[in-house]
């Protein structure tokens, strides 16, 4: 019987080992199922974050572009106003370009962004310049008024321009 007992004991040990192995395998499978579910949910959330990121970047990009455009408009209007003031003082576009290091084309482009002057109402202006004084543009501004003692743009006071005639003394 000792042989039987050992065979029965061996079977019992094998069944216990199989039961332990089955339990370990079942635990691994339950853990794998839990982790697989976590993985699927996390991958889904990554996709949602990607969509959210794209949407937010679009919103922020639109906001930044709008703000940048507002700033450009403000700065161009400021530059155009400065050009207009220089023109009112008699400077030409070429002179302004030379003074600022910009091209005449750049100066003209900036002038297109000048704030539009409101149309004067009857009696609102003195009429000293008339309506043409504001709308004459570069041609009017390019011809500075000459005052007594102001010769060749103030280069040398008292020197008469050479017009080909000898001055008689």
Protein backbone atom coordinates (compact mmCIF):
# COMPACT_ATOMS: atom_id res chain seq x y z
CA UNK A 1 0.00 0.00 0.00
CA UNK A 2 2.89 2.25 0.45
CA UNK A 3 3.18 2.44 -3.32
CA UNK A 4 -0.48 3.39 -3.59
CA UNK A 5 -0.17 5.98 -0.93
CA UNK A 6 2.73 7.63 -2.61
CA UNK A 7 0.92 7.64 -5.96
CA UNK A 8 -2.19 9.13 -4.34
CA UNK A 9 0.01 11.62 -2.52
CA UNK A 10 1.76 12.52 -5.78
CA UNK A 11 -1.58 13.06 -7.53
CA UNK A 12 -2.73 15.27 -4.66
CA UNK A 13 0.47 17.31 -4.90
CA UNK A 14 0.10 17.67 -8.67
CA UNK A 15 -3.54 18.75 -8.30
CA UNK A 16 -2.50 21.31 -5.65
CA UNK A 17 0.27 22.57 -7.93
CA UNK A 18 -2.15 22.80 -10.84
CA UNK A 19 -4.66 24.60 -8.63
CA UNK A 20 -1.97 27.08 -7.57
CA UNK A 21 -0.88 27.52 -11.19
CA UNK A 22 -4.50 27.92 -12.28
CA UNK A 23 -5.09 30.49 -9.53
CA UNK A 24 -1.94 32.39 -10.49
CA UNK A 25 -2.98 32.26 -14.17
CA UNK A 26 -6.48 33.47 -13.23
CA UNK A 27 -4.99 36.34 -11.20
CA UNK A 28 -2.74 37.27 -14.14
CA UNK A 29 -5.70 37.16 -16.51
CA UNK A 30 -7.81 39.35 -14.18
CA UNK A 31 -4.91 41.79 -13.86
CA UNK A 32 -4.44 41.72 -17.65
CA UNK A 33 -8.15 42.41 -18.18
CA UNK A 34 -7.98 45.35 -15.74
CA UNK A 35 -4.81 46.71 -17.33
CA UNK A 36 -6.19 46.22 -20.85
CA UNK A 37 -9.29 48.21 -19.87
CA UNK A 38 -7.07 50.93 -18.35
CA UNK A 39 -4.98 50.97 -21.54
CA UNK A 40 -8.02 51.32 -23.81
CA UNK A 41 -9.44 54.14 -21.67
CA UNK A 42 -6.07 55.94 -21.50
CA UNK A 43 -5.58 55.69 -25.29
CA UNK A 44 -9.08 57.09 -25.77
CA UNK A 45 -8.25 59.96 -23.41
CA UNK A 46 -5.03 60.66 -25.35
CA UNK A 47 -7.14 61.00 -28.49
CA UNK A 48 -9.48 63.37 -26.66
CA UNK A 49 -6.51 65.44 -25.47
CA UNK A 50 -5.19 65.61 -29.03
CA UNK A 51 -8.57 66.90 -30.24
CA UNK A 52 -8.76 69.34 -27.31
CA UNK A 53 -5.23 70.57 -28.03
CA UNK A 54 -6.02 71.17 -31.68
CA UNK A 55 -9.17 73.08 -30.79
CA UNK A 56 -7.44 75.18 -28.12
CA UNK A 57 -4.48 75.95 -30.39
CA UNK A 58 -6.90 77.11 -33.06
CA UNK A 59 -8.68 79.35 -30.55
CA UNK A 60 -5.47 80.74 -29.12
CA UNK A 61 -3.94 81.20 -32.58
CA UNK A 62 -7.05 83.11 -33.67
CA UNK A 63 -6.89 85.26 -30.53
CA UNK A 64 -3.17 85.96 -31.02
CA UNK A 65 -3.69 86.78 -34.69
CA UNK A 66 -6.55 89.15 -33.84
CA UNK A 67 -4.44 90.85 -31.17
CA UNK A 68 -1.45 91.07 -33.53
CA UNK A 69 -3.66 92.59 -36.22
CA UNK A 70 -5.00 95.16 -33.75
CA UNK A 71 -1.45 96.05 -32.74
CA UNK A 72 -0.37 96.34 -36.37
CA UNK A 73 -3.29 98.63 -37.12
CA UNK A 74 -2.42 100.81 -34.11
CA UNK A 75 1.28 101.02 -35.01
CA UNK A 76 0.59 101.68 -38.68
CA UNK A 77 -1.89 104.42 -37.77
CA UNK A 78 0.70 105.94 -35.44
CA UNK A 79 3.33 105.83 -38.21
CA UNK A 80 0.90 107.29 -40.75
CA UNK A 81 -0.02 110.10 -38.38
CA UNK A 82 3.68 110.91 -37.93
CA UNK A 83 4.16 110.95 -41.71
CA UNK A 84 1.12 113.19 -42.13
CA UNK A 85 2.47 115.61 -39.52
CA UNK A 86 5.83 115.71 -41.31
CA UNK A 87 4.06 116.37 -44.60
CA UNK A 88 2.09 119.19 -43.00
CA UNK A 89 5.43 120.72 -42.05
CA UNK A 90 6.40 120.62 -45.72
CA UNK A 91 8.45 117.42 -45.95
CA UNK A 92 8.17 115.30 -49.09
CA UNK A 93 7.84 111.54 -49.12
CA UNK A 94 11.38 111.30 -50.47
CA UNK A 95 12.71 113.44 -47.63
CA UNK A 96 10.78 111.44 -45.04
CA UNK A 97 12.07 108.19 -46.56
CA UNK A 98 15.65 109.46 -46.49
CA UNK A 99 15.29 110.67 -42.91
CA UNK A 100 13.81 107.38 -41.65
CA UNK A 101 15.79 104.94 -43.78
CA UNK A 102 12.59 103.54 -45.29
CA UNK A 103 11.73 103.44 -48.97
CA UNK A 104 9.23 105.82 -50.50
CA UNK A 105 7.06 102.78 -51.23
CA UNK A 106 7.05 101.82 -47.54
CA UNK A 107 6.12 105.40 -46.61
CA UNK A 108 3.26 105.38 -49.13
CA UNK A 109 2.08 102.01 -47.85
CA UNK A 110 2.02 103.35 -44.30
CA UNK A 111 0.10 106.42 -45.42
CA UNK A 112 -2.70 104.16 -46.61
CA UNK A 113 -3.23 103.28 -42.95
CA UNK A 114 -3.64 106.88 -41.86
CA UNK A 115 -6.74 107.51 -39.77
CA UNK A 116 -9.43 108.95 -41.99
CA UNK A 117 -10.19 112.55 -41.17
CA UNK A 118 -13.83 113.24 -40.51
CA UNK A 119 -15.51 115.30 -43.19
CA UNK A 120 -15.80 118.88 -41.94
CA UNK A 121 -19.28 120.16 -41.34
CA UNK A 122 -20.37 123.58 -42.52
CA UNK A 123 -18.77 126.27 -40.39
CA UNK A 124 -16.52 123.75 -38.59
CA UNK A 125 -13.33 124.94 -40.29
CA UNK A 126 -11.88 128.38 -40.64
CA UNK A 127 -11.63 127.95 -44.40
CA UNK A 128 -8.04 129.23 -44.36
CA UNK A 129 -6.82 126.18 -46.22
CA UNK A 130 -10.12 125.20 -47.71
CA UNK A 131 -11.08 121.59 -48.34
CA UNK A 132 -8.15 121.17 -50.74
CA UNK A 133 -5.68 121.90 -47.94
CA UNK A 134 -6.33 118.51 -46.34
CA UNK A 135 -6.90 116.44 -49.47
CA UNK A 136 -4.10 117.74 -51.71
CA UNK A 137 -1.76 114.96 -50.53
CA UNK A 138 1.86 114.83 -51.50
CA UNK A 139 1.73 117.55 -54.15
CA UNK A 140 0.66 120.26 -51.69
CA UNK A 141 2.99 118.98 -48.98
CA UNK A 142 5.92 118.82 -51.40
CA UNK A 143 5.76 122.61 -51.94
CA UNK A 144 6.62 124.27 -48.65
CA UNK A 145 5.62 127.86 -48.22
CA UNK A 146 8.55 130.27 -48.65
CA UNK A 147 8.73 133.00 -46.09
CA UNK A 148 10.87 136.12 -46.02
CA UNK A 149 14.51 135.18 -45.51
CA UNK A 150 13.86 131.51 -46.23
CA UNK A 151 15.85 130.52 -49.28
CA UNK A 152 16.56 126.96 -50.55
CA UNK A 153 14.91 125.33 -47.61
CA UNK A 154 16.91 127.39 -45.10
CA UNK A 155 20.31 126.08 -46.23
CA UNK A 156 22.09 129.47 -46.22
CA UNK A 157 20.21 132.61 -45.31
CA UNK A 158 20.76 135.61 -47.54
CA UNK A 159 22.21 133.68 -50.51
CA UNK A 160 20.18 134.10 -53.65
CA UNK A 161 19.68 131.11 -55.91
CA UNK A 162 21.76 131.15 -59.08
CA UNK A 163 19.32 131.77 -61.90
CA UNK A 164 21.95 132.48 -64.53
CA UNK A 165 21.94 136.28 -64.08
CA UNK A 166 24.85 138.04 -62.44
CA UNK A 167 23.89 140.02 -59.43
CA UNK A 168 24.56 143.70 -59.71
CA UNK A 169 26.16 145.32 -56.74
